[in-house]
Amino acid sequence: MPMTKPKMLCVDDEPEILNFLEAAFIPIGYEVIKLENGEEALTKLKEEKIDLVISDPGLGNSYQYCICPRNYPKGGA
């Protein structure tokens, strides 16, 4: 049975940072999903199981403060 890669969600409005994170995490086995806003991130979290989220706290709308409590209320996946 083939192993699936852990999924990482990167959320930032700066493409350079998203590309850096992708370049850093793909070689160590992650599938990297890059998004540029919080609304897209919340939608993606509803659609897929995500193992790791890295988010820019300066994106605004305070969406990042609801990602983990909303999607992982007991603190883990």
C-alpha atoms as a PDB file:
ATOM      1  CA  MET A   1       0.000   0.000   0.000  1.00  0.00           C
ATOM      2  CA  PRO A   2       1.558   3.353  -1.004  1.00  0.00           C
ATOM      3  CA  MET A   3       2.072   5.878   1.777  1.00  0.00           C
ATOM      4  CA  THR A   4       0.407   9.245   1.386  1.00  0.00           C
ATOM      5  CA  LYS A   5       2.412  12.378   1.980  1.00  0.00           C
ATOM      6  CA  PRO A   6       1.394  14.608   4.882  1.00  0.00           C
ATOM      7  CA  LYS A   7      -0.378  17.737   3.664  1.00  0.00           C
ATOM      8  CA  MET A   8       0.806  21.179   4.631  1.00  0.00           C
ATOM      9  CA  LEU A   9      -1.263  24.311   4.083  1.00  0.00           C
ATOM     10  CA  CYS A  10       0.704  27.550   3.670  1.00  0.00           C
ATOM     11  CA  VAL A  11      -1.261  30.798   3.784  1.00  0.00           C
ATOM     12  CA  ASP A  12       0.455  34.077   2.947  1.00  0.00           C
ATOM     13  CA  ASP A  13      -0.175  37.028   0.669  1.00  0.00           C
ATOM     14  CA  GLU A  14       3.479  37.124  -0.430  1.00  0.00           C
ATOM     15  CA  PRO A  15       4.244  34.610  -3.218  1.00  0.00           C
ATOM     16  CA  GLU A  16       7.961  34.638  -2.350  1.00  0.00           C
ATOM     17  CA  ILE A  17       7.242  33.293   1.129  1.00  0.00           C
ATOM     18  CA  LEU A  18       4.893  30.635  -0.233  1.00  0.00           C
ATOM     19  CA  ASN A  19       7.549  29.537  -2.726  1.00  0.00           C
ATOM     20  CA  PHE A  20      10.199  29.432   0.017  1.00  0.00           C
ATOM     21  CA  LEU A  21       8.014  27.239   2.233  1.00  0.00           C
ATOM     22  CA  GLU A  22       7.223  24.955  -0.680  1.00  0.00           C
ATOM     23  CA  ALA A  23      10.926  24.594  -1.515  1.00  0.00           C
ATOM     24  CA  ALA A  24      11.732  23.839   2.126  1.00  0.00           C
ATOM     25  CA  PHE A  25       9.003  21.266   2.807  1.00  0.00           C
ATOM     26  CA  ILE A  26       8.671  19.283  -0.424  1.00  0.00           C
ATOM     27  CA  PRO A  27      12.155  17.712  -0.045  1.00  0.00           C
ATOM     28  CA  ILE A  28      11.232  16.396   3.405  1.00  0.00           C
ATOM     29  CA  GLY A  29       8.103  14.685   2.140  1.00  0.00           C
ATOM     30  CA  TYR A  30       5.222  17.150   2.415  1.00  0.00           C
ATOM     31  CA  GLU A  31       2.571  17.890  -0.153  1.00  0.00           C
ATOM     32  CA  VAL A  32       2.370  21.690  -0.020  1.00  0.00           C
ATOM     33  CA  ILE A  33      -0.836  23.584  -0.714  1.00  0.00           C
ATOM     34  CA  LYS A  34      -0.300  27.331  -1.160  1.00  0.00           C
ATOM     35  CA  LEU A  35      -3.101  29.859  -0.681  1.00  0.00           C
ATOM     36  CA  GLU A  36      -3.062  33.638  -0.511  1.00  0.00           C
ATOM     37  CA  ASN A  37      -5.994  34.424   1.796  1.00  0.00           C
ATOM     38  CA  GLY A  38      -7.745  33.180   4.878  1.00  0.00           C
ATOM     39  CA  GLU A  39     -11.121  32.569   3.314  1.00  0.00           C
ATOM     40  CA  GLU A  40      -9.590  30.117   0.831  1.00  0.00           C
ATOM     41  CA  ALA A  41      -7.722  28.455   3.707  1.00  0.00           C
ATOM     42  CA  LEU A  42     -10.877  27.899   5.731  1.00  0.00           C
ATOM     43  CA  THR A  43     -12.593  26.407   2.681  1.00  0.00           C
ATOM     44  CA  LYS A  44      -9.638  24.091   1.990  1.00  0.00           C
ATOM     45  CA  LEU A  45      -9.626  22.935   5.628  1.00  0.00           C
ATOM     46  CA  LYS A  46     -13.265  21.921   5.275  1.00  0.00           C
ATOM     47  CA  GLU A  47     -12.521  19.974   2.092  1.00  0.00           C
ATOM     48  CA  GLU A  48      -9.321  18.120   3.001  1.00  0.00           C
ATOM     49  CA  LYS A  49      -7.426  16.663   5.927  1.00  0.00           C
ATOM     50  CA  ILE A  50      -4.475  18.984   6.534  1.00  0.00           C
ATOM     51  CA  ASP A  51      -1.620  17.874   8.790  1.00  0.00           C
ATOM     52  CA  LEU A  52       0.221  21.187   9.208  1.00  0.00           C
ATOM     53  CA  VAL A  53      -0.774  24.838   8.759  1.00  0.00           C
ATOM     54  CA  ILE A  54       1.664  27.733   8.472  1.00  0.00           C
ATOM     55  CA  SER A  55      -0.083  31.079   8.251  1.00  0.00           C
ATOM     56  CA  ASP A  56       0.931  34.734   8.112  1.00  0.00           C
ATOM     57  CA  PRO A  57      -0.580  36.357  11.231  1.00  0.00           C
ATOM     58  CA  GLY A  58      -0.628  39.698   9.433  1.00  0.00           C
ATOM     59  CA  LEU A  59      -3.198  38.735   6.802  1.00  0.00           C
ATOM     60  CA  GLY A  60      -6.039  40.479   8.581  1.00  0.00           C
ATOM     61  CA  ASN A  61      -9.609  39.501   9.424  1.00  0.00           C
ATOM     62  CA  SER A  62      -8.227  37.418  12.329  1.00  0.00           C
ATOM     63  CA  TYR A  63      -9.149  34.240  10.437  1.00  0.00           C
ATOM     64  CA  GLN A  64      -5.978  32.477  11.606  1.00  0.00           C
ATOM     65  CA  TYR A  65      -7.203  32.497  15.182  1.00  0.00           C
ATOM     66  CA  CYS A  66     -10.174  30.326  14.226  1.00  0.00           C
ATOM     67  CA  ILE A  67      -8.380  27.779  12.015  1.00  0.00           C
ATOM     68  CA  CYS A  68      -7.249  25.393  14.736  1.00  0.00           C
ATOM     69  CA  PRO A  69     -10.111  25.724  17.226  1.00  0.00           C
ATOM     70  CA  ARG A  70     -12.692  25.355  14.464  1.00  0.00           C
ATOM     71  CA  ASN A  71     -11.055  22.463  12.641  1.00  0.00           C
ATOM     72  CA  TYR A  72      -9.236  20.721  15.510  1.00  0.00           C
ATOM     73  CA  PRO A  73     -11.267  21.485  18.660  1.00  0.00           C
ATOM     74  CA  LYS A  74      -9.448  18.861  20.753  1.00  0.00           C
ATOM     75  CA  GLY A  75      -6.010  20.096  19.742  1.00  0.00           C
ATOM     76  CA  GLY A  76      -5.119  17.404  17.232  1.00  0.00           C
ATOM     77  CA  ALA A  77      -6.163  15.760  14.029  1.00  0.00           C
END
